[in-house]
Amino acid sequence: MGMTKKDFIRLADKVREYQEAKYRNHDIELEEPFLLDMLVEFCLEQNPRFKPSVFLGYVRGECGPNGGKVK
């Protein structure tokens, strides 16, 4: 089953948290690693079997979507 409206709202909340943190800490450079950490946290909340290493490896282009070799 795909993400529901509730899931999309929760993900949007995480993005908003990122934007608010970036605004509050304008003197601190917040980049993608911070956002990716929040997204990983969200995904783990949704599914405890979520594999952060596979997700992050795929985002970085280090592996395929299932953790295998890049085609």
C-alpha atoms as a PDB file:
ATOM      1  CA  MET A   1       0.000   0.000   0.000  1.00  0.00           C
ATOM      2  CA  GLY A   2       1.285   3.449  -0.891  1.00  0.00           C
ATOM      3  CA  MET A   3       1.435   6.479   1.313  1.00  0.00           C
ATOM      4  CA  THR A   4      -1.878   7.938   2.392  1.00  0.00           C
ATOM      5  CA  LYS A   5      -2.865  11.581   2.673  1.00  0.00           C
ATOM      6  CA  LYS A   6      -1.930  11.352   6.346  1.00  0.00           C
ATOM      7  CA  ASP A   7       1.556  10.113   5.363  1.00  0.00           C
ATOM      8  CA  PHE A   8       2.070  12.962   2.915  1.00  0.00           C
ATOM      9  CA  ILE A   9       1.016  15.460   5.562  1.00  0.00           C
ATOM     10  CA  ARG A  10       3.486  13.969   8.051  1.00  0.00           C
ATOM     11  CA  LEU A  11       6.277  14.143   5.468  1.00  0.00           C
ATOM     12  CA  ALA A  12       5.360  17.757   4.727  1.00  0.00           C
ATOM     13  CA  ASP A  13       5.548  18.409   8.479  1.00  0.00           C
ATOM     14  CA  LYS A  14       9.134  17.114   8.488  1.00  0.00           C
ATOM     15  CA  VAL A  15      10.048  19.418   5.605  1.00  0.00           C
ATOM     16  CA  ARG A  16       8.477  22.310   7.484  1.00  0.00           C
ATOM     17  CA  GLU A  17      10.526  21.420  10.571  1.00  0.00           C
ATOM     18  CA  TYR A  18      13.634  21.615   8.396  1.00  0.00           C
ATOM     19  CA  GLN A  19      12.662  25.027   7.051  1.00  0.00           C
ATOM     20  CA  GLU A  20      11.873  26.341  10.533  1.00  0.00           C
ATOM     21  CA  ALA A  21      15.170  25.026  11.931  1.00  0.00           C
ATOM     22  CA  LYS A  22      17.038  26.613   9.045  1.00  0.00           C
ATOM     23  CA  TYR A  23      15.328  29.927   9.767  1.00  0.00           C
ATOM     24  CA  ARG A  24      15.918  29.735  13.557  1.00  0.00           C
ATOM     25  CA  ASN A  25      19.586  28.832  13.093  1.00  0.00           C
ATOM     26  CA  HIS A  26      20.379  31.224  10.273  1.00  0.00           C
ATOM     27  CA  ASP A  27      23.950  31.405  11.487  1.00  0.00           C
ATOM     28  CA  ILE A  28      24.360  27.602  11.160  1.00  0.00           C
ATOM     29  CA  GLU A  29      24.570  26.045   7.724  1.00  0.00           C
ATOM     30  CA  LEU A  30      21.893  23.350   7.519  1.00  0.00           C
ATOM     31  CA  GLU A  31      22.165  21.201   4.419  1.00  0.00           C
ATOM     32  CA  GLU A  32      20.754  18.014   2.968  1.00  0.00           C
ATOM     33  CA  PRO A  33      22.239  15.665   5.608  1.00  0.00           C
ATOM     34  CA  PHE A  34      19.979  17.312   8.184  1.00  0.00           C
ATOM     35  CA  LEU A  35      16.936  16.909   5.942  1.00  0.00           C
ATOM     36  CA  LEU A  36      17.860  13.316   5.122  1.00  0.00           C
ATOM     37  CA  ASP A  37      18.159  12.496   8.827  1.00  0.00           C
ATOM     38  CA  MET A  38      14.642  13.830   9.367  1.00  0.00           C
ATOM     39  CA  LEU A  39      13.292  11.827   6.428  1.00  0.00           C
ATOM     40  CA  VAL A  40      14.970   8.661   7.725  1.00  0.00           C
ATOM     41  CA  GLU A  41      13.398   9.298  11.129  1.00  0.00           C
ATOM     42  CA  PHE A  42      10.003   9.695   9.456  1.00  0.00           C
ATOM     43  CA  CYS A  43      10.408   6.480   7.450  1.00  0.00           C
ATOM     44  CA  LEU A  44      11.431   4.525  10.564  1.00  0.00           C
ATOM     45  CA  GLU A  45       8.323   5.820  12.313  1.00  0.00           C
ATOM     46  CA  GLN A  46       6.244   4.484   9.421  1.00  0.00           C
ATOM     47  CA  ASN A  47       7.953   1.107   9.159  1.00  0.00           C
ATOM     48  CA  PRO A  48      10.387  -0.262  11.754  1.00  0.00           C
ATOM     49  CA  ARG A  49      11.859  -2.577   9.093  1.00  0.00           C
ATOM     50  CA  PHE A  50      12.919   0.434   7.010  1.00  0.00           C
ATOM     51  CA  LYS A  51      16.625   0.214   6.146  1.00  0.00           C
ATOM     52  CA  PRO A  52      18.272   3.647   6.441  1.00  0.00           C
ATOM     53  CA  SER A  53      21.553   2.450   4.905  1.00  0.00           C
ATOM     54  CA  VAL A  54      19.781   1.289   1.742  1.00  0.00           C
ATOM     55  CA  PHE A  55      17.710   4.484   1.541  1.00  0.00           C
ATOM     56  CA  LEU A  56      20.727   6.756   2.013  1.00  0.00           C
ATOM     57  CA  GLY A  57      22.886   4.685  -0.336  1.00  0.00           C
ATOM     58  CA  TYR A  58      20.243   4.970  -3.027  1.00  0.00           C
ATOM     59  CA  VAL A  59      19.844   8.715  -2.471  1.00  0.00           C
ATOM     60  CA  ARG A  60      23.629   9.133  -2.822  1.00  0.00           C
ATOM     61  CA  GLY A  61      23.746   6.924  -5.930  1.00  0.00           C
ATOM     62  CA  GLU A  62      25.864   4.281  -4.192  1.00  0.00           C
ATOM     63  CA  CYS A  63      23.382   1.421  -4.708  1.00  0.00           C
ATOM     64  CA  GLY A  64      20.124   0.560  -6.402  1.00  0.00           C
ATOM     65  CA  PRO A  65      16.728   1.055  -4.780  1.00  0.00           C
ATOM     66  CA  ASN A  66      16.893  -2.382  -3.133  1.00  0.00           C
ATOM     67  CA  GLY A  67      20.507  -2.064  -2.011  1.00  0.00           C
ATOM     68  CA  GLY A  68      22.002  -3.883  -4.975  1.00  0.00           C
ATOM     69  CA  LYS A  69      24.453  -2.643  -7.567  1.00  0.00           C
ATOM     70  CA  VAL A  70      23.738   0.520  -9.538  1.00  0.00           C
ATOM     71  CA  LYS A  71      22.626  -0.354 -13.054  1.00  0.00           C
END
